Amino acid sequence: MAQSLLPLVLDVGVPLASYYILSDGFGLSEVAALGWSSVVPALRTVRALVRRTEVNGLALLILVVNVVGLALSTMTGDPRLMLAKDSGVSSVVGIAVIVSVFTGKPLMTAGLKPFVTKGIAARSAAWDRLAAGSAPFRRAERRFSLIWGTVLLVECVARVIGAYTIPVHTMVWLGSVLMVAAILLAMVVAGGSCAEPMEKMVRAEAEAEAETEAGTEAGRGAGDRVGAAGAVGSALVPAVPGS
């Protein structure tokens, strides 16, 4: 649980607390406070890119959007634009996830598969078989990413509207609330309609495969026992004279 919540704390809690400490405690301007509070998420993204052996296109895109948005906001001195650029990140991710559904490679599968298979080899193999041969399973997999992408886009629109209609000091915490609410909504809706049915299918497939393998082993063992008994019987039968 702690490991799962740590990214949320770093990407939401730390920037939120940093903004109010810098603006209210140290008297920094809204633009400066927003800029410095974005440092931790940016460093986390850079660290994730450096540690990977292959380039993560989505993470790189998020970093570029953040840097460009921060640069534009700093040059214009508009704190509302700085708030809106966070919505740009959500929109980029949301659009990328939706597009991936129609290209046949749903992006959310990277996080969904470990959750469903629980790291069990038999379930991972069951997932691969279902992904290759089960239309209902593939539909659920695509629907999972589609739900996440749609929720992120809706959250993006809401935050853009809020960035230009609600006081900046209020929108800083409200934007974080909207993001967390969107994540929770996507988890509940996509989890109940897609992840849970997929987990049941994977479990059933793994159990069926285990039963098949057990039956095969039992049949092979019975055959070996019959062959051994036949050999023993042949050895005990006396040879027929003249044969």
Protein backbone atom coordinates (compact mmCIF):
# COMPACT_ATOMS: atom_id res chain seq x y z
CA MET A 1 0.00 0.00 0.00
CA ALA A 2 2.78 2.41 0.95
CA GLN A 3 4.63 1.69 -2.28
CA SER A 4 1.46 2.30 -4.31
CA LEU A 5 0.70 5.61 -2.58
CA LEU A 6 4.26 6.99 -2.71
CA PRO A 7 4.04 8.27 -6.33
CA LEU A 8 0.75 10.01 -5.50
CA VAL A 9 2.32 11.69 -2.47
CA LEU A 10 5.35 12.82 -4.46
CA ASP A 11 3.46 14.04 -7.52
CA VAL A 12 0.49 15.62 -5.73
CA GLY A 13 1.16 16.11 -2.02
CA VAL A 14 4.71 17.50 -2.25
CA PRO A 15 3.98 20.09 -4.99
CA LEU A 16 0.78 21.16 -3.24
CA ALA A 17 2.49 21.63 0.12
CA SER A 18 5.47 23.31 -1.54
CA TYR A 19 3.29 25.89 -3.27
CA TYR A 20 1.58 27.07 -0.09
CA ILE A 21 4.82 27.03 1.93
CA LEU A 22 6.63 29.08 -0.71
CA SER A 23 3.79 31.52 -1.38
CA ASP A 24 2.36 31.98 2.13
CA GLY A 25 5.45 31.19 4.20
CA PHE A 26 8.20 32.78 2.12
CA GLY A 27 6.18 35.34 0.19
CA LEU A 28 7.08 34.14 -3.31
CA SER A 29 4.89 35.19 -6.20
CA GLU A 30 2.30 32.77 -7.56
CA VAL A 31 4.41 32.13 -10.66
CA ALA A 32 7.59 31.46 -8.68
CA ALA A 33 5.81 29.25 -6.15
CA LEU A 34 4.14 27.24 -8.90
CA GLY A 35 7.44 26.90 -10.76
CA TRP A 36 9.46 25.65 -7.80
CA SER A 37 6.68 23.32 -6.68
CA SER A 38 6.89 21.58 -10.08
CA VAL A 39 10.53 20.59 -9.55
CA VAL A 40 9.91 17.30 -7.70
CA PRO A 41 7.56 15.76 -10.35
CA ALA A 42 9.93 16.88 -13.12
CA LEU A 43 12.94 15.32 -11.39
CA ARG A 44 11.00 12.09 -10.84
CA THR A 45 10.21 11.90 -14.56
CA VAL A 46 13.85 12.55 -15.52
CA ARG A 47 15.03 9.91 -13.04
CA ALA A 48 12.57 7.35 -14.45
CA LEU A 49 13.78 8.05 -18.00
CA VAL A 50 17.46 7.76 -17.03
CA ARG A 51 16.97 4.50 -15.13
CA ARG A 52 15.17 2.78 -18.01
CA THR A 53 17.22 0.84 -20.52
CA GLU A 54 14.78 1.88 -23.26
CA VAL A 55 13.13 5.24 -23.90
CA ASN A 56 9.64 5.59 -22.44
CA GLY A 57 7.90 7.71 -25.08
CA LEU A 58 4.96 8.66 -22.88
CA ALA A 59 7.13 9.75 -19.95
CA LEU A 60 9.35 11.75 -22.30
CA LEU A 61 6.31 13.44 -23.82
CA ILE A 62 5.01 14.37 -20.36
CA LEU A 63 8.38 15.86 -19.45
CA VAL A 64 8.51 17.92 -22.66
CA VAL A 65 4.98 19.24 -22.11
CA ASN A 66 5.88 20.19 -18.54
CA VAL A 67 9.09 21.96 -19.53
CA VAL A 68 7.48 23.84 -22.44
CA GLY A 69 4.48 24.83 -20.33
CA LEU A 70 6.71 25.99 -17.48
CA ALA A 71 8.90 28.02 -19.86
CA LEU A 72 5.89 29.72 -21.49
CA SER A 73 4.33 30.45 -18.12
CA THR A 74 7.55 31.95 -16.77
CA MET A 75 8.02 34.15 -19.83
CA THR A 76 4.45 35.40 -19.79
CA GLY A 77 4.28 35.64 -16.00
CA ASP A 78 0.77 34.16 -16.09
CA PRO A 79 0.07 31.82 -13.14
CA ARG A 80 -3.18 30.68 -14.75
CA LEU A 81 -1.22 29.38 -17.72
CA MET A 82 0.98 27.46 -15.29
CA LEU A 83 -2.11 25.81 -13.85
CA ALA A 84 -3.49 25.09 -17.31
CA LYS A 85 -0.25 23.41 -18.43
CA ASP A 86 -0.90 20.64 -15.88
CA SER A 87 -4.15 20.00 -17.73
CA GLY A 88 -2.10 19.77 -20.90
CA VAL A 89 -0.23 16.84 -19.37
CA SER A 90 -3.51 15.09 -18.55
CA SER A 91 -4.81 15.70 -22.06
CA VAL A 92 -1.62 14.34 -23.67
CA VAL A 93 -1.80 11.18 -21.55
CA GLY A 94 -5.55 10.81 -22.11
CA ILE A 95 -5.28 11.20 -25.88
CA ALA A 96 -2.29 8.84 -26.05
CA VAL A 97 -4.18 6.18 -24.07
CA ILE A 98 -7.28 6.48 -26.28
CA VAL A 99 -5.24 6.34 -29.49
CA SER A 100 -3.40 3.27 -28.21
CA VAL A 101 -6.75 1.47 -27.87
CA PHE A 102 -7.46 1.87 -31.58
CA THR A 103 -3.94 0.88 -32.58
CA GLY A 104 -4.33 -2.43 -30.77
CA LYS A 105 -1.74 -1.76 -28.06
CA PRO A 106 -3.57 -0.32 -25.01
CA LEU A 107 -1.12 1.65 -22.88
CA MET A 108 -2.81 0.82 -19.58
CA THR A 109 -2.09 -2.89 -20.11
CA ALA A 110 1.40 -2.31 -18.73
CA GLY A 111 -0.10 -1.63 -15.31
CA LEU A 112 -3.16 -3.85 -15.64
CA LYS A 113 -1.39 -7.14 -16.36
CA PRO A 114 0.73 -7.23 -13.16
CA PHE A 115 -2.35 -6.34 -11.12
CA VAL A 116 -4.41 -9.17 -12.64
CA THR A 117 -1.71 -11.85 -12.72
CA LYS A 118 -0.24 -11.02 -9.27
CA GLY A 119 3.20 -12.02 -10.56
CA ILE A 120 2.18 -15.70 -10.79
CA ALA A 121 3.74 -17.43 -13.79
CA ALA A 122 0.70 -19.64 -14.46
CA ARG A 123 -1.57 -16.59 -14.53
CA SER A 124 0.82 -14.69 -16.79
CA ALA A 125 0.71 -17.59 -19.22
CA ALA A 126 -3.08 -17.67 -18.92
CA TRP A 127 -3.19 -13.93 -19.72
CA ASP A 128 -1.13 -14.49 -22.88
CA ARG A 129 -3.41 -17.29 -24.04
CA LEU A 130 -6.54 -15.23 -23.42
CA ALA A 131 -5.05 -12.17 -25.11
CA ALA A 132 -4.31 -14.30 -28.16
CA GLY A 133 -7.56 -16.24 -28.36
CA SER A 134 -10.38 -14.62 -26.35
CA ALA A 135 -12.38 -11.79 -27.92
CA PRO A 136 -14.22 -10.90 -24.65
CA PHE A 137 -10.87 -10.67 -22.86
CA ARG A 138 -9.41 -8.36 -25.50
CA ARG A 139 -12.54 -6.18 -25.41
CA ALA A 140 -12.22 -5.79 -21.65
CA GLU A 141 -8.52 -4.96 -22.04
CA ARG A 142 -9.29 -2.22 -24.57
CA ARG A 143 -12.24 -0.91 -22.55
CA PHE A 144 -10.00 -0.56 -19.48
CA SER A 145 -7.66 1.84 -21.31
CA LEU A 146 -10.56 3.64 -22.99
CA ILE A 147 -12.15 4.41 -19.61
CA TRP A 148 -8.87 5.76 -18.24
CA GLY A 149 -8.25 7.91 -21.30
CA THR A 150 -11.76 9.37 -21.26
CA VAL A 151 -11.64 10.19 -17.56
CA LEU A 152 -8.28 11.93 -17.96
CA LEU A 153 -9.61 14.04 -20.83
CA VAL A 154 -12.69 15.09 -18.85
CA GLU A 155 -10.46 15.97 -15.89
CA CYS A 156 -8.30 18.04 -18.25
CA VAL A 157 -11.28 20.09 -19.47
CA ALA A 158 -12.47 20.69 -15.90
CA ARG A 159 -9.04 21.89 -14.78
CA VAL A 160 -8.63 24.24 -17.74
CA ILE A 161 -12.00 25.82 -17.01
CA GLY A 162 -11.09 26.12 -13.35
CA ALA A 163 -7.66 27.60 -14.13
CA TYR A 164 -9.26 30.60 -15.87
CA THR A 165 -12.38 31.04 -13.75
CA ILE A 166 -11.33 30.26 -10.14
CA PRO A 167 -8.80 32.20 -8.04
CA VAL A 168 -5.28 30.79 -8.46
CA HIS A 169 -4.77 30.28 -4.73
CA THR A 170 -7.92 28.13 -4.63
CA MET A 171 -7.33 26.31 -7.89
CA VAL A 172 -3.93 25.02 -6.72
CA TRP A 173 -5.52 22.69 -4.19
CA LEU A 174 -8.75 22.21 -6.14
CA GLY A 175 -6.80 21.05 -9.20
CA SER A 176 -5.12 18.38 -7.09
CA VAL A 177 -8.49 17.33 -5.72
CA LEU A 178 -9.89 17.02 -9.26
CA MET A 179 -6.91 14.90 -10.33
CA VAL A 180 -7.16 12.55 -7.35
CA ALA A 181 -10.95 12.29 -7.84
CA ALA A 182 -10.45 11.43 -11.52
CA ILE A 183 -7.91 8.72 -10.66
CA LEU A 184 -10.21 7.20 -8.05
CA LEU A 185 -13.17 7.32 -10.45
CA ALA A 186 -11.19 5.59 -13.20
CA MET A 187 -9.97 2.95 -10.73
CA VAL A 188 -13.51 2.17 -9.55
CA VAL A 189 -15.20 2.18 -12.97
CA ALA A 190 -12.43 0.44 -14.93
CA GLY A 191 -11.69 -1.94 -12.07
CA GLY A 192 -15.27 -3.09 -11.62
CA SER A 193 -16.17 -3.36 -15.30
CA CYS A 194 -12.87 -4.63 -16.71
CA ALA A 195 -10.12 -5.60 -14.26
CA GLU A 196 -12.26 -7.82 -12.02
CA PRO A 197 -13.87 -9.81 -14.91
CA MET A 198 -10.44 -10.17 -16.52
CA GLU A 199 -8.97 -11.45 -13.27
CA LYS A 200 -11.72 -14.07 -13.04
CA MET A 201 -11.08 -15.16 -16.63
CA VAL A 202 -7.34 -15.41 -15.99
CA ARG A 203 -7.86 -17.40 -12.80
CA ALA A 204 -10.28 -19.79 -14.50
CA GLU A 205 -7.93 -20.24 -17.46
CA ALA A 206 -4.98 -20.96 -15.17
CA GLU A 207 -6.98 -23.48 -13.14
CA ALA A 208 -8.27 -25.21 -16.27
CA GLU A 209 -4.72 -25.49 -17.61
CA ALA A 210 -3.51 -26.88 -14.28
CA GLU A 211 -6.29 -29.51 -14.30
CA THR A 212 -5.43 -30.47 -17.87
CA GLU A 213 -1.76 -30.87 -16.99
CA ALA A 214 -2.68 -32.89 -13.89
CA GLY A 215 -4.89 -35.19 -15.99
CA THR A 216 -2.15 -35.63 -18.54
CA GLU A 217 0.36 -36.50 -15.83
CA ALA A 218 -2.11 -38.93 -14.24
CA GLY A 219 -2.73 -40.62 -17.59
CA ARG A 220 0.96 -40.86 -18.28
CA GLY A 221 1.55 -42.35 -14.82
CA ALA A 222 -1.25 -44.90 -15.30
CA GLY A 223 0.21 -45.89 -18.66
CA ASP A 224 3.62 -46.35 -17.13
CA ARG A 225 2.16 -48.53 -14.37
CA VAL A 226 0.26 -50.70 -16.86
CA GLY A 227 3.40 -51.14 -18.95
CA ALA A 228 5.42 -52.10 -15.89
CA ALA A 229 2.78 -54.60 -14.76
CA GLY A 230 2.72 -56.15 -18.22
CA ALA A 231 6.48 -56.54 -18.21
CA VAL A 232 6.41 -58.20 -14.80
CA GLY A 233 3.60 -60.55 -15.90
CA SER A 234 5.52 -61.57 -18.98
CA ALA A 235 8.55 -62.37 -16.89
CA LEU A 236 6.51 -64.57 -14.54
CA VAL A 237 4.75 -66.63 -17.26
CA PRO A 238 6.75 -69.88 -17.81
CA ALA A 239 8.08 -70.40 -21.24
CA VAL A 240 6.08 -72.86 -23.36
CA PRO A 241 8.16 -75.96 -24.30
CA GLY A 242 9.14 -76.01 -27.88
CA SER A 243 8.39 -72.33 -28.30
